[in-house]
Amino acid sequence: MAFLTDRKRAVGWGSAKSGTAHFWAMKKSSFALLILVPLFVFTFGAALGGGYDEVRAYYSRPFPAIVAALTLLVGFHHFNMGVQVLIEDYVHGIWEKVLILVMTCVSYGAASVGLFAIARLAL
């Protein structure tokens, strides 16, 4: 076994062919969150402490509602991609596919609930 080269050990394992695209998607979403999270904190901070009617009036304006919605969408998409990498690294077999499917449903479900809540506040 000591005489096997790295190439000989890798033969037959194949390539996923999507690692680079996934890496760049994570980088793009993290950069978007780098901009969106401070915007969200400042817009959310302006509405913090107000009553329901004040918060509803604040989020009926387009800018805070759009920032909150974009932060939710990009955040949960980034979360989904990160959990997928974690599951692919540490879980194998049928449970890998099951957990990726479950976490994708949880991620998009939570994002849709958040978008629904923002839409209810804004409209």
PDB file of N, CA and C in Angstrom:
ATOM      1  N   MET A   1       0.817  -1.188   0.000  1.00  0.00           N
ATOM      2  CA  MET A   1       0.000   0.000   0.000  1.00  0.00           C
ATOM      3  C   MET A   1       0.864   1.256   0.000  1.00  0.00           C
ATOM      4  N   ALA A   2       2.061   1.179   0.494  1.00  0.00           N
ATOM      5  CA  ALA A   2       2.914   2.357   0.582  1.00  0.00           C
ATOM      6  C   ALA A   2       3.398   2.816  -0.786  1.00  0.00           C
ATOM      7  N   PHE A   3       3.316   1.954  -1.797  1.00  0.00           N
ATOM      8  CA  PHE A   3       3.816   2.308  -3.112  1.00  0.00           C
ATOM      9  C   PHE A   3       2.746   2.904  -4.027  1.00  0.00           C
ATOM     10  N   LEU A   4       1.525   3.098  -3.523  1.00  0.00           N
ATOM     11  CA  LEU A   4       0.470   3.697  -4.329  1.00  0.00           C
ATOM     12  C   LEU A   4       0.670   5.208  -4.415  1.00  0.00           C
ATOM     13  N   THR A   5       0.537   5.725  -5.606  1.00  0.00           N
ATOM     14  CA  THR A   5       0.623   7.171  -5.782  1.00  0.00           C
ATOM     15  C   THR A   5      -0.730   7.807  -5.468  1.00  0.00           C
ATOM     16  N   ASP A   6      -0.731   9.121  -5.334  1.00  0.00           N
ATOM     17  CA  ASP A   6      -1.993   9.825  -5.070  1.00  0.00           C
ATOM     18  C   ASP A   6      -2.979   9.620  -6.206  1.00  0.00           C
ATOM     19  N   ARG A   7      -2.483   9.608  -7.437  1.00  0.00           N
ATOM     20  CA  ARG A   7      -3.370   9.407  -8.585  1.00  0.00           C
ATOM     21  C   ARG A   7      -3.974   8.013  -8.560  1.00  0.00           C
ATOM     22  N   LYS A   8      -3.189   7.021  -8.204  1.00  0.00           N
ATOM     23  CA  LYS A   8      -3.689   5.644  -8.167  1.00  0.00           C
ATOM     24  C   LYS A   8      -4.745   5.476  -7.072  1.00  0.00           C
ATOM     25  N   ARG A   9      -4.589   6.171  -5.958  1.00  0.00           N
ATOM     26  CA  ARG A   9      -5.591   6.097  -4.894  1.00  0.00           C
ATOM     27  C   ARG A   9      -6.892   6.784  -5.305  1.00  0.00           C
ATOM     28  N   ALA A  10      -6.812   7.788  -6.169  1.00  0.00           N
ATOM     29  CA  ALA A  10      -7.989   8.559  -6.558  1.00  0.00           C
ATOM     30  C   ALA A  10      -8.746   7.957  -7.730  1.00  0.00           C
ATOM     31  N   VAL A  11      -8.156   7.039  -8.463  1.00  0.00           N
ATOM     32  CA  VAL A  11      -8.812   6.445  -9.632  1.00  0.00           C
ATOM     33  C   VAL A  11     -10.067   5.702  -9.179  1.00  0.00           C
ATOM     34  N   GLY A  12     -11.160   5.969  -9.868  1.00  0.00           N
ATOM     35  CA  GLY A  12     -12.418   5.310  -9.552  1.00  0.00           C
ATOM     36  C   GLY A  12     -13.315   6.099  -8.617  1.00  0.00           C
ATOM     37  N   TRP A  13     -12.778   7.110  -7.949  1.00  0.00           N
ATOM     38  CA  TRP A  13     -13.596   7.910  -7.051  1.00  0.00           C
ATOM     39  C   TRP A  13     -14.410   8.940  -7.806  1.00  0.00           C
ATOM     40  N   GLY A  14     -13.947   9.338  -8.966  1.00  0.00           N
ATOM     41  CA  GLY A  14     -14.707  10.274  -9.790  1.00  0.00           C
ATOM     42  C   GLY A  14     -14.633  11.696  -9.280  1.00  0.00           C
ATOM     43  N   SER A  15     -15.349  12.568  -9.962  1.00  0.00           N
ATOM     44  CA  SER A  15     -15.365  13.977  -9.600  1.00  0.00           C
ATOM     45  C   SER A  15     -16.809  14.434  -9.493  1.00  0.00           C
ATOM     46  N   ALA A  16     -17.081  15.277  -8.527  1.00  0.00           N
ATOM     47  CA  ALA A  16     -18.446  15.770  -8.351  1.00  0.00           C
ATOM     48  C   ALA A  16     -18.815  16.775  -9.433  1.00  0.00           C
ATOM     49  N   LYS A  17     -17.831  17.460  -9.999  1.00  0.00           N
ATOM     50  CA  LYS A  17     -17.995  18.411 -11.098  1.00  0.00           C
ATOM     51  C   LYS A  17     -18.850  19.621 -10.734  1.00  0.00           C
ATOM     52  N   SER A  18     -19.119  19.863  -9.467  1.00  0.00           N
ATOM     53  CA  SER A  18     -19.908  21.024  -9.095  1.00  0.00           C
ATOM     54  C   SER A  18     -19.297  21.784  -7.920  1.00  0.00           C
ATOM     55  N   GLY A  19     -18.126  21.382  -7.483  1.00  0.00           N
ATOM     56  CA  GLY A  19     -17.510  22.009  -6.321  1.00  0.00           C
ATOM     57  C   GLY A  19     -17.171  23.468  -6.540  1.00  0.00           C
ATOM     58  N   THR A  20     -16.647  23.806  -7.714  1.00  0.00           N
ATOM     59  CA  THR A  20     -16.265  25.188  -7.974  1.00  0.00           C
ATOM     60  C   THR A  20     -17.494  26.092  -8.061  1.00  0.00           C
ATOM     61  N   ALA A  21     -18.526  25.624  -8.721  1.00  0.00           N
ATOM     62  CA  ALA A  21     -19.753  26.423  -8.827  1.00  0.00           C
ATOM     63  C   ALA A  21     -20.378  26.640  -7.445  1.00  0.00           C
ATOM     64  N   HIS A  22     -20.370  25.611  -6.621  1.00  0.00           N
ATOM     65  CA  HIS A  22     -20.923  25.715  -5.275  1.00  0.00           C
ATOM     66  C   HIS A  22     -20.083  26.682  -4.438  1.00  0.00           C
ATOM     67  N   PHE A  23     -18.759  26.611  -4.572  1.00  0.00           N
ATOM     68  CA  PHE A  23     -17.864  27.509  -3.853  1.00  0.00           C
ATOM     69  C   PHE A  23     -18.139  28.966  -4.215  1.00  0.00           C
ATOM     70  N   TRP A  24     -18.268  29.242  -5.527  1.00  0.00           N
ATOM     71  CA  TRP A  24     -18.508  30.627  -5.948  1.00  0.00           C
ATOM     72  C   TRP A  24     -19.899  31.101  -5.556  1.00  0.00           C
ATOM     73  N   ALA A  25     -20.873  30.203  -5.541  1.00  0.00           N
ATOM     74  CA  ALA A  25     -22.215  30.586  -5.087  1.00  0.00           C
ATOM     75  C   ALA A  25     -22.193  30.960  -3.607  1.00  0.00           C
ATOM     76  N   MET A  26     -21.429  30.221  -2.811  1.00  0.00           N
ATOM     77  CA  MET A  26     -21.292  30.567  -1.392  1.00  0.00           C
ATOM     78  C   MET A  26     -20.590  31.907  -1.223  1.00  0.00           C
ATOM     79  N   LYS A  27     -19.560  32.160  -2.021  1.00  0.00           N
ATOM     80  CA  LYS A  27     -18.837  33.433  -1.933  1.00  0.00           C
ATOM     81  C   LYS A  27     -19.744  34.605  -2.324  1.00  0.00           C
ATOM     82  N   LYS A  28     -20.534  34.433  -3.379  1.00  0.00           N
ATOM     83  CA  LYS A  28     -21.436  35.509  -3.807  1.00  0.00           C
ATOM     84  C   LYS A  28     -22.509  35.781  -2.765  1.00  0.00           C
ATOM     85  N   SER A  29     -23.075  34.727  -2.196  1.00  0.00           N
ATOM     86  CA  SER A  29     -24.115  34.947  -1.193  1.00  0.00           C
ATOM     87  C   SER A  29     -23.536  35.532   0.092  1.00  0.00           C
ATOM     88  N   SER A  30     -22.309  35.150   0.449  1.00  0.00           N
ATOM     89  CA  SER A  30     -21.713  35.739   1.651  1.00  0.00           C
ATOM     90  C   SER A  30     -21.380  37.213   1.428  1.00  0.00           C
ATOM     91  N   PHE A  31     -20.975  37.580   0.225  1.00  0.00           N
ATOM     92  CA  PHE A  31     -20.732  38.989  -0.072  1.00  0.00           C
ATOM     93  C   PHE A  31     -22.037  39.780  -0.042  1.00  0.00           C
ATOM     94  N   ALA A  32     -23.096  39.192  -0.589  1.00  0.00           N
ATOM     95  CA  ALA A  32     -24.400  39.859  -0.550  1.00  0.00           C
ATOM     96  C   ALA A  32     -24.863  40.037   0.896  1.00  0.00           C
ATOM     97  N   LEU A  33     -24.627  39.028   1.734  1.00  0.00           N
ATOM     98  CA  LEU A  33     -25.007  39.153   3.141  1.00  0.00           C
ATOM     99  C   LEU A  33     -24.143  40.176   3.864  1.00  0.00           C
ATOM    100  N   LEU A  34     -22.913  40.326   3.429  1.00  0.00           N
ATOM    101  CA  LEU A  34     -22.033  41.337   4.014  1.00  0.00           C
ATOM    102  C   LEU A  34     -22.615  42.736   3.835  1.00  0.00           C
ATOM    103  N   ILE A  35     -23.329  42.948   2.753  1.00  0.00           N
ATOM    104  CA  ILE A  35     -23.982  44.234   2.496  1.00  0.00           C
ATOM    105  C   ILE A  35     -25.381  44.280   3.111  1.00  0.00           C
ATOM    106  N   LEU A  36     -26.123  43.182   2.988  1.00  0.00           N
ATOM    107  CA  LEU A  36     -27.525  43.178   3.410  1.00  0.00           C
ATOM    108  C   LEU A  36     -27.714  43.174   4.926  1.00  0.00           C
ATOM    109  N   VAL A  37     -26.875  42.466   5.659  1.00  0.00           N
ATOM    110  CA  VAL A  37     -27.088  42.359   7.105  1.00  0.00           C
ATOM    111  C   VAL A  37     -26.945  43.715   7.807  1.00  0.00           C
ATOM    112  N   PRO A  38     -25.900  44.521   7.518  1.00  0.00           N
ATOM    113  CA  PRO A  38     -25.885  45.850   8.148  1.00  0.00           C
ATOM    114  C   PRO A  38     -27.071  46.724   7.732  1.00  0.00           C
ATOM    115  N   LEU A  39     -27.470  46.638   6.456  1.00  0.00           N
ATOM    116  CA  LEU A  39     -28.652  47.387   6.028  1.00  0.00           C
ATOM    117  C   LEU A  39     -29.893  46.946   6.808  1.00  0.00           C
ATOM    118  N   PHE A  40     -30.028  45.640   6.980  1.00  0.00           N
ATOM    119  CA  PHE A  40     -31.170  45.106   7.720  1.00  0.00           C
ATOM    120  C   PHE A  40     -31.130  45.550   9.182  1.00  0.00           C
ATOM    121  N   VAL A  41     -29.943  45.525   9.784  1.00  0.00           N
ATOM    122  CA  VAL A  41     -29.825  45.927  11.182  1.00  0.00           C
ATOM    123  C   VAL A  41     -30.224  47.394  11.351  1.00  0.00           C
ATOM    124  N   PHE A  42     -29.771  48.254  10.436  1.00  0.00           N
ATOM    125  CA  PHE A  42     -30.123  49.665  10.544  1.00  0.00           C
ATOM    126  C   PHE A  42     -31.600  49.910  10.257  1.00  0.00           C
ATOM    127  N   THR A  43     -32.169  49.216   9.279  1.00  0.00           N
ATOM    128  CA  THR A  43     -33.587  49.422   8.995  1.00  0.00           C
ATOM    129  C   THR A  43     -34.459  48.810  10.087  1.00  0.00           C
ATOM    130  N   PHE A  44     -34.058  47.661  10.613  1.00  0.00           N
ATOM    131  CA  PHE A  44     -34.823  47.027  11.685  1.00  0.00           C
ATOM    132  C   PHE A  44     -34.686  47.819  12.980  1.00  0.00           C
ATOM    133  N   GLY A  45     -33.503  48.386  13.197  1.00  0.00           N
ATOM    134  CA  GLY A  45     -33.277  49.182  14.399  1.00  0.00           C
ATOM    135  C   GLY A  45     -34.153  50.416  14.455  1.00  0.00           C
ATOM    136  N   ALA A  46     -34.464  50.977  13.307  1.00  0.00           N
ATOM    137  CA  ALA A  46     -35.323  52.161  13.279  1.00  0.00           C
ATOM    138  C   ALA A  46     -36.750  51.822  13.699  1.00  0.00           C
ATOM    139  N   ALA A  47     -37.170  50.591  13.474  1.00  0.00           N
ATOM    140  CA  ALA A  47     -38.537  50.195  13.825  1.00  0.00           C
ATOM    141  C   ALA A  47     -38.613  49.540  15.200  1.00  0.00           C
ATOM    142  N   LEU A  48     -37.481  49.263  15.785  1.00  0.00           N
ATOM    143  CA  LEU A  48     -37.440  48.561  17.065  1.00  0.00           C
ATOM    144  C   LEU A  48     -38.016  49.440  18.182  1.00  0.00           C
ATOM    145  N   GLY A  49     -38.846  48.856  18.996  1.00  0.00           N
ATOM    146  CA  GLY A  49     -39.423  49.575  20.120  1.00  0.00           C
ATOM    147  C   GLY A  49     -40.744  50.249  19.818  1.00  0.00           C
ATOM    148  N   GLY A  50     -41.136  50.265  18.571  1.00  0.00           N
ATOM    149  CA  GLY A  50     -42.404  50.881  18.212  1.00  0.00           C
ATOM    150  C   GLY A  50     -43.561  49.919  18.404  1.00  0.00           C
ATOM    151  N   GLY A  51     -44.730  50.452  18.386  1.00  0.00           N
ATOM    152  CA  GLY A  51     -45.922  49.618  18.474  1.00  0.00           C
ATOM    153  C   GLY A  51     -46.194  48.922  17.140  1.00  0.00           C
ATOM    154  N   TYR A  52     -47.211  48.066  17.170  1.00  0.00           N
ATOM    155  CA  TYR A  52     -47.538  47.301  15.966  1.00  0.00           C
ATOM    156  C   TYR A  52     -47.881  48.217  14.796  1.00  0.00           C
ATOM    157  N   ASP A  53     -48.668  49.229  15.038  1.00  0.00           N
ATOM    158  CA  ASP A  53     -49.067  50.138  13.961  1.00  0.00           C
ATOM    159  C   ASP A  53     -47.881  50.921  13.408  1.00  0.00           C
ATOM    160  N   GLU A  54     -46.954  51.312  14.283  1.00  0.00           N
ATOM    161  CA  GLU A  54     -45.756  52.024  13.817  1.00  0.00           C
ATOM    162  C   GLU A  54     -44.870  51.126  12.970  1.00  0.00           C
ATOM    163  N   VAL A  55     -44.690  49.892  13.426  1.00  0.00           N
ATOM    164  CA  VAL A  55     -43.861  48.938  12.672  1.00  0.00           C
ATOM    165  C   VAL A  55     -44.524  48.616  11.337  1.00  0.00           C
ATOM    166  N   ARG A  56     -45.828  48.467  11.356  1.00  0.00           N
ATOM    167  CA  ARG A  56     -46.543  48.179  10.107  1.00  0.00           C
ATOM    168  C   ARG A  56     -46.428  49.345   9.136  1.00  0.00           C
ATOM    169  N   ALA A  57     -46.528  50.552   9.639  1.00  0.00           N
ATOM    170  CA  ALA A  57     -46.376  51.726   8.779  1.00  0.00           C
ATOM    171  C   ALA A  57     -44.945  51.833   8.259  1.00  0.00           C
ATOM    172  N   TYR A  58     -43.976  51.465   9.100  1.00  0.00           N
ATOM    173  CA  TYR A  58     -42.573  51.536   8.678  1.00  0.00           C
ATOM    174  C   TYR A  58     -42.286  50.524   7.567  1.00  0.00           C
ATOM    175  N   TYR A  59     -42.774  49.294   7.736  1.00  0.00           N
ATOM    176  CA  TYR A  59     -42.524  48.265   6.728  1.00  0.00           C
ATOM    177  C   TYR A  59     -43.453  48.370   5.519  1.00  0.00           C
ATOM    178  N   SER A  60     -44.401  49.276   5.543  1.00  0.00           N
ATOM    179  CA  SER A  60     -45.210  49.503   4.340  1.00  0.00           C
ATOM    180  C   SER A  60     -44.436  50.341   3.323  1.00  0.00           C
ATOM    181  N   ARG A  61     -43.339  50.960   3.771  1.00  0.00           N
ATOM    182  CA  ARG A  61     -42.456  51.646   2.828  1.00  0.00           C
ATOM    183  C   ARG A  61     -41.630  50.599   2.094  1.00  0.00           C
ATOM    184  N   PRO A  62     -41.294  50.835   0.828  1.00  0.00           N
ATOM    185  CA  PRO A  62     -40.646  49.777   0.043  1.00  0.00           C
ATOM    186  C   PRO A  62     -39.221  49.425   0.486  1.00  0.00           C
ATOM    187  N   PHE A  63     -38.402  50.400   0.853  1.00  0.00           N
ATOM    188  CA  PHE A  63     -36.998  50.097   1.131  1.00  0.00           C
ATOM    189  C   PHE A  63     -36.808  49.135   2.303  1.00  0.00           C
ATOM    190  N   PRO A  64     -37.413  49.371   3.483  1.00  0.00           N
ATOM    191  CA  PRO A  64     -37.223  48.411   4.579  1.00  0.00           C
ATOM    192  C   PRO A  64     -37.787  47.026   4.270  1.00  0.00           C
ATOM    193  N   ALA A  65     -38.907  46.984   3.570  1.00  0.00           N
ATOM    194  CA  ALA A  65     -39.502  45.687   3.238  1.00  0.00           C
ATOM    195  C   ALA A  65     -38.629  44.917   2.252  1.00  0.00           C
ATOM    196  N   ILE A  66     -38.075  45.598   1.269  1.00  0.00           N
ATOM    197  CA  ILE A  66     -37.217  44.933   0.284  1.00  0.00           C
ATOM    198  C   ILE A  66     -35.925  44.467   0.933  1.00  0.00           C
ATOM    199  N   VAL A  67     -35.336  45.288   1.793  1.00  0.00           N
ATOM    200  CA  VAL A  67     -34.097  44.889   2.478  1.00  0.00           C
ATOM    201  C   VAL A  67     -34.350  43.672   3.355  1.00  0.00           C
ATOM    202  N   ALA A  68     -35.446  43.665   4.092  1.00  0.00           N
ATOM    203  CA  ALA A  68     -35.762  42.524   4.952  1.00  0.00           C
ATOM    204  C   ALA A  68     -36.010  41.263   4.122  1.00  0.00           C
ATOM    205  N   ALA A  69     -36.728  41.389   3.022  1.00  0.00           N
ATOM    206  CA  ALA A  69     -37.021  40.230   2.179  1.00  0.00           C
ATOM    207  C   ALA A  69     -35.750  39.688   1.526  1.00  0.00           C
ATOM    208  N   LEU A  70     -34.904  40.568   1.007  1.00  0.00           N
ATOM    209  CA  LEU A  70     -33.653  40.117   0.402  1.00  0.00           C
ATOM    210  C   LEU A  70     -32.739  39.463   1.421  1.00  0.00           C
ATOM    211  N   THR A  71     -32.689  40.021   2.629  1.00  0.00           N
ATOM    212  CA  THR A  71     -31.856  39.422   3.671  1.00  0.00           C
ATOM    213  C   THR A  71     -32.354  38.021   4.025  1.00  0.00           C
ATOM    214  N   LEU A  72     -33.665  37.868   4.118  1.00  0.00           N
ATOM    215  CA  LEU A  72     -34.226  36.546   4.396  1.00  0.00           C
ATOM    216  C   LEU A  72     -33.908  35.553   3.278  1.00  0.00           C
ATOM    217  N   LEU A  73     -34.141  35.954   2.042  1.00  0.00           N
ATOM    218  CA  LEU A  73     -33.917  35.046   0.921  1.00  0.00           C
ATOM    219  C   LEU A  73     -32.456  34.635   0.790  1.00  0.00           C
ATOM    220  N   VAL A  74     -31.574  35.620   0.787  1.00  0.00           N
ATOM    221  CA  VAL A  74     -30.156  35.313   0.618  1.00  0.00           C
ATOM    222  C   VAL A  74     -29.621  34.558   1.832  1.00  0.00           C
ATOM    223  N   GLY A  75     -30.072  34.931   3.031  1.00  0.00           N
ATOM    224  CA  GLY A  75     -29.623  34.261   4.245  1.00  0.00           C
ATOM    225  C   GLY A  75     -30.009  32.795   4.291  1.00  0.00           C
ATOM    226  N   PHE A  76     -31.243  32.493   3.965  1.00  0.00           N
ATOM    227  CA  PHE A  76     -31.664  31.094   3.984  1.00  0.00           C
ATOM    228  C   PHE A  76     -31.065  30.301   2.828  1.00  0.00           C
ATOM    229  N   HIS A  77     -30.814  30.939   1.692  1.00  0.00           N
ATOM    230  CA  HIS A  77     -30.138  30.239   0.598  1.00  0.00           C
ATOM    231  C   HIS A  77     -28.693  29.914   0.990  1.00  0.00           C
ATOM    232  N   HIS A  78     -28.015  30.859   1.622  1.00  0.00           N
ATOM    233  CA  HIS A  78     -26.656  30.637   2.095  1.00  0.00           C
ATOM    234  C   HIS A  78     -26.633  29.541   3.169  1.00  0.00           C
ATOM    235  N   PHE A  79     -27.603  29.577   4.062  1.00  0.00           N
ATOM    236  CA  PHE A  79     -27.737  28.541   5.089  1.00  0.00           C
ATOM    237  C   PHE A  79     -27.917  27.168   4.458  1.00  0.00           C
ATOM    238  N   ASN A  80     -28.761  27.096   3.447  1.00  0.00           N
ATOM    239  CA  ASN A  80     -29.026  25.824   2.785  1.00  0.00           C
ATOM    240  C   ASN A  80     -27.759  25.268   2.131  1.00  0.00           C
ATOM    241  N   MET A  81     -27.010  26.127   1.448  1.00  0.00           N
ATOM    242  CA  MET A  81     -25.778  25.656   0.806  1.00  0.00           C
ATOM    243  C   MET A  81     -24.741  25.223   1.844  1.00  0.00           C
ATOM    244  N   GLY A  82     -24.643  25.944   2.945  1.00  0.00           N
ATOM    245  CA  GLY A  82     -23.690  25.579   3.993  1.00  0.00           C
ATOM    246  C   GLY A  82     -24.033  24.260   4.657  1.00  0.00           C
ATOM    247  N   VAL A  83     -25.309  24.052   4.958  1.00  0.00           N
ATOM    248  CA  VAL A  83     -25.729  22.793   5.568  1.00  0.00           C
ATOM    249  C   VAL A  83     -25.537  21.639   4.586  1.00  0.00           C
ATOM    250  N   GLN A  84     -25.736  21.899   3.304  1.00  0.00           N
ATOM    251  CA  GLN A  84     -25.510  20.848   2.314  1.00  0.00           C
ATOM    252  C   GLN A  84     -24.050  20.404   2.316  1.00  0.00           C
ATOM    253  N   VAL A  85     -23.120  21.341   2.384  1.00  0.00           N
ATOM    254  CA  VAL A  85     -21.700  20.994   2.446  1.00  0.00           C
ATOM    255  C   VAL A  85     -21.403  20.212   3.716  1.00  0.00           C
ATOM    256  N   LEU A  86     -21.962  20.650   4.836  1.00  0.00           N
ATOM    257  CA  LEU A  86     -21.748  19.958   6.098  1.00  0.00           C
ATOM    258  C   LEU A  86     -22.256  18.519   6.027  1.00  0.00           C
ATOM    259  N   ILE A  87     -23.449  18.336   5.485  1.00  0.00           N
ATOM    260  CA  ILE A  87     -24.016  16.990   5.378  1.00  0.00           C
ATOM    261  C   ILE A  87     -23.191  16.135   4.426  1.00  0.00           C
ATOM    262  N   GLU A  88     -22.771  16.686   3.299  1.00  0.00           N
ATOM    263  CA  GLU A  88     -21.963  15.915   2.349  1.00  0.00           C
ATOM    264  C   GLU A  88     -20.637  15.492   2.956  1.00  0.00           C
ATOM    265  N   ASP A  89     -20.083  16.293   3.854  1.00  0.00           N
ATOM    266  CA  ASP A  89     -18.803  15.956   4.462  1.00  0.00           C
ATOM    267  C   ASP A  89     -18.921  14.901   5.549  1.00  0.00           C
ATOM    268  N   TYR A  90     -20.003  14.905   6.316  1.00  0.00           N
ATOM    269  CA  TYR A  90     -20.070  14.068   7.504  1.00  0.00           C
ATOM    270  C   TYR A  90     -21.108  12.948   7.468  1.00  0.00           C
ATOM    271  N   VAL A  91     -22.017  12.940   6.515  1.00  0.00           N
ATOM    272  CA  VAL A  91     -23.043  11.903   6.450  1.00  0.00           C
ATOM    273  C   VAL A  91     -22.927  11.214   5.100  1.00  0.00           C
ATOM    274  N   HIS A  92     -23.037   9.883   5.097  1.00  0.00           N
ATOM    275  CA  HIS A  92     -22.906   9.131   3.849  1.00  0.00           C
ATOM    276  C   HIS A  92     -24.056   8.132   3.718  1.00  0.00           C
ATOM    277  N   GLY A  93     -24.251   7.666   2.511  1.00  0.00           N
ATOM    278  CA  GLY A  93     -25.300   6.697   2.256  1.00  0.00           C
ATOM    279  C   GLY A  93     -26.627   7.378   1.967  1.00  0.00           C
ATOM    280  N   ILE A  94     -27.706   6.665   2.251  1.00  0.00           N
ATOM    281  CA  ILE A  94     -29.041   7.171   1.959  1.00  0.00           C
ATOM    282  C   ILE A  94     -29.386   8.363   2.845  1.00  0.00           C
ATOM    283  N   TRP A  95     -28.842   8.383   4.080  1.00  0.00           N
ATOM    284  CA  TRP A  95     -29.142   9.477   4.988  1.00  0.00           C
ATOM    285  C   TRP A  95     -28.625  10.809   4.479  1.00  0.00           C
ATOM    286  N   GLU A  96     -27.575  10.782   3.681  1.00  0.00           N
ATOM    287  CA  GLU A  96     -27.058  12.024   3.096  1.00  0.00           C
ATOM    288  C   GLU A  96     -28.113  12.686   2.221  1.00  0.00           C
ATOM    289  N   LYS A  97     -28.704  11.921   1.339  1.00  0.00           N
ATOM    290  CA  LYS A  97     -29.715  12.475   0.438  1.00  0.00           C
ATOM    291  C   LYS A  97     -30.983  12.872   1.191  1.00  0.00           C
ATOM    292  N   VAL A  98     -31.371  12.067   2.176  1.00  0.00           N
ATOM    293  CA  VAL A  98     -32.568  12.367   2.963  1.00  0.00           C
ATOM    294  C   VAL A  98     -32.382  13.665   3.742  1.00  0.00           C
ATOM    295  N   LEU A  99     -31.238  13.825   4.397  1.00  0.00           N
ATOM    296  CA  LEU A  99     -30.997  15.034   5.189  1.00  0.00           C
ATOM    297  C   LEU A  99     -30.875  16.277   4.313  1.00  0.00           C
ATOM    298  N   ILE A 100     -30.255  16.136   3.147  1.00  0.00           N
ATOM    299  CA  ILE A 100     -30.168  17.285   2.240  1.00  0.00           C
ATOM    300  C   ILE A 100     -31.563  17.696   1.785  1.00  0.00           C
ATOM    301  N   LEU A 101     -32.406  16.729   1.471  1.00  0.00           N
ATOM    302  CA  LEU A 101     -33.775  17.027   1.064  1.00  0.00           C
ATOM    303  C   LEU A 101     -34.564  17.677   2.200  1.00  0.00           C
ATOM    304  N   VAL A 102     -34.430  17.149   3.414  1.00  0.00           N
ATOM    305  CA  VAL A 102     -35.150  17.697   4.557  1.00  0.00           C
ATOM    306  C   VAL A 102     -34.689  19.121   4.852  1.00  0.00           C
ATOM    307  N   MET A 103     -33.375  19.336   4.850  1.00  0.00           N
ATOM    308  CA  MET A 103     -32.867  20.676   5.160  1.00  0.00           C
ATOM    309  C   MET A 103     -33.214  21.679   4.063  1.00  0.00           C
ATOM    310  N   THR A 104     -33.284  21.241   2.828  1.00  0.00           N
ATOM    311  CA  THR A 104     -33.710  22.136   1.754  1.00  0.00           C
ATOM    312  C   THR A 104     -35.173  22.534   1.953  1.00  0.00           C
ATOM    313  N   CYS A 105     -36.004  21.583   2.314  1.00  0.00           N
ATOM    314  CA  CYS A 105     -37.418  21.898   2.572  1.00  0.00           C
ATOM    315  C   CYS A 105     -37.569  22.816   3.776  1.00  0.00           C
ATOM    316  N   VAL A 106     -36.810  22.573   4.841  1.00  0.00           N
ATOM    317  CA  VAL A 106     -36.873  23.423   6.034  1.00  0.00           C
ATOM    318  C   VAL A 106     -36.404  24.832   5.699  1.00  0.00           C
ATOM    319  N   SER A 107     -35.311  24.929   4.945  1.00  0.00           N
ATOM    320  CA  SER A 107     -34.754  26.234   4.602  1.00  0.00           C
ATOM    321  C   SER A 107     -35.718  27.049   3.751  1.00  0.00           C
ATOM    322  N   TYR A 108     -36.236  26.471   2.686  1.00  0.00           N
ATOM    323  CA  TYR A 108     -37.155  27.208   1.821  1.00  0.00           C
ATOM    324  C   TYR A 108     -38.500  27.436   2.502  1.00  0.00           C
ATOM    325  N   GLY A 109     -38.910  26.522   3.371  1.00  0.00           N
ATOM    326  CA  GLY A 109     -40.144  26.726   4.128  1.00  0.00           C
ATOM    327  C   GLY A 109     -40.026  27.903   5.089  1.00  0.00           C
ATOM    328  N   ALA A 110     -38.896  27.988   5.796  1.00  0.00           N
ATOM    329  CA  ALA A 110     -38.693  29.109   6.720  1.00  0.00           C
ATOM    330  C   ALA A 110     -38.588  30.428   5.957  1.00  0.00           C
ATOM    331  N   ALA A 111     -37.938  30.416   4.800  1.00  0.00           N
ATOM    332  CA  ALA A 111     -37.842  31.632   3.990  1.00  0.00           C
ATOM    333  C   ALA A 111     -39.223  32.063   3.507  1.00  0.00           C
ATOM    334  N   SER A 112     -40.050  31.115   3.113  1.00  0.00           N
ATOM    335  CA  SER A 112     -41.382  31.480   2.635  1.00  0.00           C
ATOM    336  C   SER A 112     -42.260  32.000   3.768  1.00  0.00           C
ATOM    337  N   VAL A 113     -42.120  31.454   4.969  1.00  0.00           N
ATOM    338  CA  VAL A 113     -42.870  31.973   6.120  1.00  0.00           C
ATOM    339  C   VAL A 113     -42.426  33.401   6.427  1.00  0.00           C
ATOM    340  N   GLY A 114     -41.125  33.650   6.376  1.00  0.00           N
ATOM    341  CA  GLY A 114     -40.619  34.998   6.612  1.00  0.00           C
ATOM    342  C   GLY A 114     -41.094  35.986   5.568  1.00  0.00           C
ATOM    343  N   LEU A 115     -41.080  35.568   4.306  1.00  0.00           N
ATOM    344  CA  LEU A 115     -41.575  36.447   3.240  1.00  0.00           C
ATOM    345  C   LEU A 115     -43.069  36.722   3.389  1.00  0.00           C
ATOM    346  N   PHE A 116     -43.798  35.717   3.801  1.00  0.00           N
ATOM    347  CA  PHE A 116     -45.231  35.911   4.039  1.00  0.00           C
ATOM    348  C   PHE A 116     -45.452  36.923   5.157  1.00  0.00           C
ATOM    349  N   ALA A 117     -44.653  36.821   6.220  1.00  0.00           N
ATOM    350  CA  ALA A 117     -44.799  37.761   7.339  1.00  0.00           C
ATOM    351  C   ALA A 117     -44.458  39.186   6.913  1.00  0.00           C
ATOM    352  N   ILE A 118     -43.417  39.343   6.106  1.00  0.00           N
ATOM    353  CA  ILE A 118     -43.053  40.677   5.618  1.00  0.00           C
ATOM    354  C   ILE A 118     -44.148  41.213   4.698  1.00  0.00           C
ATOM    355  N   ALA A 119     -44.687  40.353   3.855  1.00  0.00           N
ATOM    356  CA  ALA A 119     -45.761  40.789   2.961  1.00  0.00           C
ATOM    357  C   ALA A 119     -46.998  41.195   3.757  1.00  0.00           C
ATOM    358  N   ARG A 120     -47.319  40.461   4.831  1.00  0.00           N
ATOM    359  CA  ARG A 120     -48.468  40.838   5.669  1.00  0.00           C
ATOM    360  C   ARG A 120     -48.251  42.183   6.346  1.00  0.00           C
ATOM    361  N   LEU A 121     -46.991  42.439   6.770  1.00  0.00           N
ATOM    362  CA  LEU A 121     -46.698  43.739   7.376  1.00  0.00           C
ATOM    363  C   LEU A 121     -46.742  44.855   6.348  1.00  0.00           C
ATOM    364  N   ALA A 122     -46.230  44.574   5.164  1.00  0.00           N
ATOM    365  CA  ALA A 122     -46.092  45.630   4.145  1.00  0.00           C
ATOM    366  C   ALA A 122     -47.408  45.961   3.475  1.00  0.00           C
ATOM    367  N   LEU A 123     -48.301  45.017   3.370  1.00  0.00           N
ATOM    368  CA  LEU A 123     -49.545  45.264   2.627  1.00  0.00           C
ATOM    369  C   LEU A 123     -50.722  45.544   3.531  1.00  0.00           C
TER     370      LEU A 123
END
